């Protein structure tokens, strides 16, 4: 039961982290994104990948 609880807590943490990252990326200018090597179309794709594949 404890393992299930920890897995749920970890999933919630990752979801919050991704939400925060989306907000920060959405607030960036095109120039800032270019400096990071990203385009607007790549943001959703990159953040939807499971953490282990990044």
PDB file of N, CA and C in Angstrom:
ATOM      1  N   UNK A   1       0.826  -1.198   0.000  1.00  0.00           N
ATOM      2  CA  UNK A   1       0.000   0.000   0.000  1.00  0.00           C
ATOM      3  C   UNK A   1       0.868   1.258   0.000  1.00  0.00           C
ATOM      4  N   UNK A   2       1.971   1.207   0.743  1.00  0.00           N
ATOM      5  CA  UNK A   2       2.855   2.367   0.809  1.00  0.00           C
ATOM      6  C   UNK A   2       3.466   2.655  -0.550  1.00  0.00           C
ATOM      7  N   UNK A   3       3.778   1.602  -1.303  1.00  0.00           N
ATOM      8  CA  UNK A   3       4.363   1.776  -2.629  1.00  0.00           C
ATOM      9  C   UNK A   3       3.394   2.497  -3.572  1.00  0.00           C
ATOM     10  N   UNK A   4       2.114   2.135  -3.467  1.00  0.00           N
ATOM     11  CA  UNK A   4       1.084   2.777  -4.290  1.00  0.00           C
ATOM     12  C   UNK A   4       0.991   4.251  -3.937  1.00  0.00           C
ATOM     13  N   UNK A   5       0.986   4.552  -2.654  1.00  0.00           N
ATOM     14  CA  UNK A   5       0.907   5.939  -2.196  1.00  0.00           C
ATOM     15  C   UNK A   5       2.096   6.756  -2.716  1.00  0.00           C
ATOM     16  N   UNK A   6       3.294   6.194  -2.608  1.00  0.00           N
ATOM     17  CA  UNK A   6       4.493   6.899  -3.080  1.00  0.00           C
ATOM     18  C   UNK A   6       4.436   7.122  -4.587  1.00  0.00           C
ATOM     19  N   UNK A   7       3.926   6.150  -5.321  1.00  0.00           N
ATOM     20  CA  UNK A   7       3.800   6.295  -6.773  1.00  0.00           C
ATOM     21  C   UNK A   7       2.821   7.421  -7.110  1.00  0.00           C
ATOM     22  N   UNK A   8       1.719   7.505  -6.389  1.00  0.00           N
ATOM     23  CA  UNK A   8       0.742   8.575  -6.624  1.00  0.00           C
ATOM     24  C   UNK A   8       1.325   9.942  -6.293  1.00  0.00           C
ATOM     25  N   UNK A   9       2.059  10.024  -5.200  1.00  0.00           N
ATOM     26  CA  UNK A   9       2.697  11.290  -4.818  1.00  0.00           C
ATOM     27  C   UNK A   9       3.710  11.699  -5.883  1.00  0.00           C
ATOM     28  N   UNK A  10       4.480  10.752  -6.384  1.00  0.00           N
ATOM     29  CA  UNK A  10       5.471  11.043  -7.424  1.00  0.00           C
ATOM     30  C   UNK A  10       4.792  11.504  -8.715  1.00  0.00           C
ATOM     31  N   UNK A  11       3.681  10.867  -9.077  1.00  0.00           N
ATOM     32  CA  UNK A  11       2.956  11.282 -10.276  1.00  0.00           C
ATOM     33  C   UNK A  11       2.436  12.714 -10.128  1.00  0.00           C
ATOM     34  N   UNK A  12       1.939  13.050  -8.959  1.00  0.00           N
ATOM     35  CA  UNK A  12       1.445  14.406  -8.716  1.00  0.00           C
ATOM     36  C   UNK A  12       2.590  15.409  -8.783  1.00  0.00           C
ATOM     37  N   UNK A  13       3.742  15.044  -8.241  1.00  0.00           N
ATOM     38  CA  UNK A  13       4.904  15.943  -8.272  1.00  0.00           C
ATOM     39  C   UNK A  13       5.344  16.202  -9.712  1.00  0.00           C
ATOM     40  N   UNK A  14       5.399  15.155 -10.516  1.00  0.00           N
ATOM     41  CA  UNK A  14       5.807  15.300 -11.910  1.00  0.00           C
ATOM     42  C   UNK A  14       4.807  16.159 -12.670  1.00  0.00           C
ATOM     43  N   UNK A  15       3.533  15.962 -12.382  1.00  0.00           N
ATOM     44  CA  UNK A  15       2.501  16.753 -13.058  1.00  0.00           C
ATOM     45  C   UNK A  15       2.650  18.245 -12.729  1.00  0.00           C
ATOM     46  N   UNK A  16       2.899  18.547 -11.449  1.00  0.00           N
ATOM     47  CA  UNK A  16       3.114  19.952 -11.049  1.00  0.00           C
ATOM     48  C   UNK A  16       4.354  20.521 -11.716  1.00  0.00           C
ATOM     49  N   UNK A  17       5.412  19.727 -11.761  1.00  0.00           N
ATOM     50  CA  UNK A  17       6.663  20.167 -12.382  1.00  0.00           C
ATOM     51  C   UNK A  17       6.451  20.490 -13.863  1.00  0.00           C
ATOM     52  N   UNK A  18       5.746  19.630 -14.559  1.00  0.00           N
ATOM     53  CA  UNK A  18       5.482  19.859 -15.985  1.00  0.00           C
ATOM     54  C   UNK A  18       4.587  21.071 -16.202  1.00  0.00           C
ATOM     55  N   UNK A  19       3.609  21.246 -15.323  1.00  0.00           N
ATOM     56  CA  UNK A  19       2.721  22.400 -15.421  1.00  0.00           C
ATOM     57  C   UNK A  19       3.515  23.698 -15.246  1.00  0.00           C
ATOM     58  N   UNK A  20       4.405  23.706 -14.256  1.00  0.00           N
ATOM     59  CA  UNK A  20       5.256  24.869 -14.021  1.00  0.00           C
ATOM     60  C   UNK A  20       6.141  25.151 -15.238  1.00  0.00           C
ATOM     61  N   UNK A  21       6.702  24.096 -15.809  1.00  0.00           N
ATOM     62  CA  UNK A  21       7.576  24.253 -16.974  1.00  0.00           C
ATOM     63  C   UNK A  21       6.800  24.785 -18.172  1.00  0.00           C
ATOM     64  N   UNK A  22       5.582  24.288 -18.383  1.00  0.00           N
ATOM     65  CA  UNK A  22       4.758  24.790 -19.495  1.00  0.00           C
ATOM     66  C   UNK A  22       4.482  26.280 -19.339  1.00  0.00           C
ATOM     67  N   UNK A  23       4.139  26.686 -18.112  1.00  0.00           N
ATOM     68  CA  UNK A  23       3.860  28.091 -17.843  1.00  0.00           C
ATOM     69  C   UNK A  23       5.091  28.947 -18.126  1.00  0.00           C
ATOM     70  N   UNK A  24       6.242  28.490 -17.672  1.00  0.00           N
ATOM     71  CA  UNK A  24       7.480  29.247 -17.895  1.00  0.00           C
ATOM     72  C   UNK A  24       7.833  29.306 -19.378  1.00  0.00           C
ATOM     73  N   UNK A  25       7.686  28.197 -20.081  1.00  0.00           N
ATOM     74  CA  UNK A  25       7.994  28.189 -21.511  1.00  0.00           C
ATOM     75  C   UNK A  25       7.018  29.056 -22.289  1.00  0.00           C
ATOM     76  N   UNK A  26       5.748  29.035 -21.915  1.00  0.00           N
ATOM     77  CA  UNK A  26       4.743  29.855 -22.600  1.00  0.00           C
ATOM     78  C   UNK A  26       5.027  31.341 -22.420  1.00  0.00           C
ATOM     79  N   UNK A  27       5.645  31.708 -21.300  1.00  0.00           N
ATOM     80  CA  UNK A  27       5.947  33.112 -21.018  1.00  0.00           C
ATOM     81  C   UNK A  27       7.200  33.601 -21.737  1.00  0.00           C
ATOM     82  N   UNK A  28       7.983  32.678 -22.301  1.00  0.00           N
ATOM     83  CA  UNK A  28       9.233  33.060 -22.970  1.00  0.00           C
ATOM     84  C   UNK A  28       8.966  33.673 -24.338  1.00  0.00           C
ATOM     85  N   UNK A  29       9.847  34.567 -24.729  1.00  0.00           N
ATOM     86  CA  UNK A  29       9.759  35.146 -26.065  1.00  0.00           C
ATOM     87  C   UNK A  29      10.343  34.162 -27.071  1.00  0.00           C
ATOM     88  N   UNK A  30      10.074  34.420 -28.342  1.00  0.00           N
ATOM     89  CA  UNK A  30      10.621  33.559 -29.394  1.00  0.00           C
ATOM     90  C   UNK A  30      12.150  33.529 -29.329  1.00  0.00           C
ATOM     91  N   UNK A  31      12.741  34.653 -29.015  1.00  0.00           N
ATOM     92  CA  UNK A  31      14.199  34.741 -28.920  1.00  0.00           C
ATOM     93  C   UNK A  31      14.735  33.869 -27.771  1.00  0.00           C
ATOM     94  N   UNK A  32      14.068  33.931 -26.631  1.00  0.00           N
ATOM     95  CA  UNK A  32      14.493  33.113 -25.494  1.00  0.00           C
ATOM     96  C   UNK A  32      14.364  31.624 -25.806  1.00  0.00           C
ATOM     97  N   UNK A  33      13.280  31.259 -26.471  1.00  0.00           N
ATOM     98  CA  UNK A  33      13.109  29.860 -26.866  1.00  0.00           C
ATOM     99  C   UNK A  33      14.203  29.444 -27.848  1.00  0.00           C
ATOM    100  N   UNK A  34      14.518  30.325 -28.776  1.00  0.00           N
ATOM    101  CA  UNK A  34      15.565  30.034 -29.748  1.00  0.00           C
ATOM    102  C   UNK A  34      16.910  29.836 -29.032  1.00  0.00           C
ATOM    103  N   UNK A  35      17.176  30.647 -28.028  1.00  0.00           N
ATOM    104  CA  UNK A  35      18.408  30.496 -27.253  1.00  0.00           C
ATOM    105  C   UNK A  35      18.471  29.142 -26.549  1.00  0.00           C
ATOM    106  N   UNK A  36      17.307  28.618 -26.171  1.00  0.00           N
ATOM    107  CA  UNK A  36      17.232  27.296 -25.528  1.00  0.00           C
ATOM    108  C   UNK A  36      17.239  26.172 -26.564  1.00  0.00           C
ATOM    109  N   UNK A  37      17.129  26.534 -27.822  1.00  0.00           N
ATOM    110  CA  UNK A  37      17.104  25.528 -28.879  1.00  0.00           C
ATOM    111  C   UNK A  37      15.733  24.906 -29.077  1.00  0.00           C
ATOM    112  N   UNK A  38      14.672  25.638 -28.737  1.00  0.00           N
ATOM    113  CA  UNK A  38      13.316  25.112 -28.864  1.00  0.00           C
ATOM    114  C   UNK A  38      12.451  26.033 -29.695  1.00  0.00           C
ATOM    115  N   UNK A  39      11.395  25.463 -30.239  1.00  0.00           N
ATOM    116  CA  UNK A  39      10.357  26.243 -30.902  1.00  0.00           C
ATOM    117  C   UNK A  39       9.057  26.020 -30.142  1.00  0.00           C
ATOM    118  N   UNK A  40       8.075  26.845 -30.392  1.00  0.00           N
ATOM    119  CA  UNK A  40       6.786  26.700 -29.702  1.00  0.00           C
ATOM    120  C   UNK A  40       6.169  25.327 -29.955  1.00  0.00           C
ATOM    121  N   UNK A  41       6.333  24.802 -31.151  1.00  0.00           N
ATOM    122  CA  UNK A  41       5.718  23.515 -31.474  1.00  0.00           C
ATOM    123  C   UNK A  41       6.365  22.350 -30.729  1.00  0.00           C
ATOM    124  N   UNK A  42       7.584  22.522 -30.255  1.00  0.00           N
ATOM    125  CA  UNK A  42       8.284  21.452 -29.545  1.00  0.00           C
ATOM    126  C   UNK A  42       7.952  21.397 -28.050  1.00  0.00           C
ATOM    127  N   UNK A  43       7.430  22.465 -27.510  1.00  0.00           N
ATOM    128  CA  UNK A  43       7.188  22.553 -26.074  1.00  0.00           C
ATOM    129  C   UNK A  43       6.271  21.439 -25.585  1.00  0.00           C
ATOM    130  N   UNK A  44       5.099  21.317 -26.174  1.00  0.00           N
ATOM    131  CA  UNK A  44       4.150  20.292 -25.731  1.00  0.00           C
ATOM    132  C   UNK A  44       4.690  18.892 -25.879  1.00  0.00           C
ATOM    133  N   UNK A  45       5.360  18.651 -26.981  1.00  0.00           N
ATOM    134  CA  UNK A  45       5.925  17.322 -27.220  1.00  0.00           C
ATOM    135  C   UNK A  45       6.975  16.964 -26.174  1.00  0.00           C
ATOM    136  N   UNK A  46       7.881  17.869 -25.914  1.00  0.00           N
ATOM    137  CA  UNK A  46       8.953  17.594 -24.954  1.00  0.00           C
ATOM    138  C   UNK A  46       8.413  17.377 -23.544  1.00  0.00           C
ATOM    139  N   UNK A  47       7.422  18.144 -23.153  1.00  0.00           N
ATOM    140  CA  UNK A  47       6.911  18.025 -21.798  1.00  0.00           C
ATOM    141  C   UNK A  47       5.980  16.829 -21.626  1.00  0.00           C
ATOM    142  N   UNK A  48       5.489  16.265 -22.716  1.00  0.00           N
ATOM    143  CA  UNK A  48       4.592  15.117 -22.594  1.00  0.00           C
ATOM    144  C   UNK A  48       5.357  13.797 -22.508  1.00  0.00           C
ATOM    145  N   UNK A  49       6.659  13.825 -22.806  1.00  0.00           N
ATOM    146  CA  UNK A  49       7.443  12.601 -22.748  1.00  0.00           C
ATOM    147  C   UNK A  49       7.628  12.169 -21.302  1.00  0.00           C
ATOM    148  N   UNK A  50       7.620  10.866 -21.052  1.00  0.00           N
ATOM    149  CA  UNK A  50       7.888  10.400 -19.689  1.00  0.00           C
ATOM    150  C   UNK A  50       9.258  10.865 -19.226  1.00  0.00           C
ATOM    151  N   UNK A  51       9.407  11.087 -17.970  1.00  0.00           N
ATOM    152  CA  UNK A  51      10.636  11.635 -17.391  1.00  0.00           C
ATOM    153  C   UNK A  51      11.864  10.818 -17.754  1.00  0.00           C
ATOM    154  N   UNK A  52      11.757   9.502 -17.768  1.00  0.00           N
ATOM    155  CA  UNK A  52      12.929   8.645 -18.031  1.00  0.00           C
ATOM    156  C   UNK A  52      13.435   8.768 -19.457  1.00  0.00           C
ATOM    157  N   UNK A  53      12.652   9.308 -20.372  1.00  0.00           N
ATOM    158  CA  UNK A  53      13.065   9.406 -21.765  1.00  0.00           C
ATOM    159  C   UNK A  53      13.688  10.751 -22.099  1.00  0.00           C
ATOM    160  N   UNK A  54      13.751  11.670 -21.171  1.00  0.00           N
ATOM    161  CA  UNK A  54      14.295  13.001 -21.461  1.00  0.00           C
ATOM    162  C   UNK A  54      15.776  12.986 -21.547  1.00  0.00           C
TER     163      UNK A  54
END
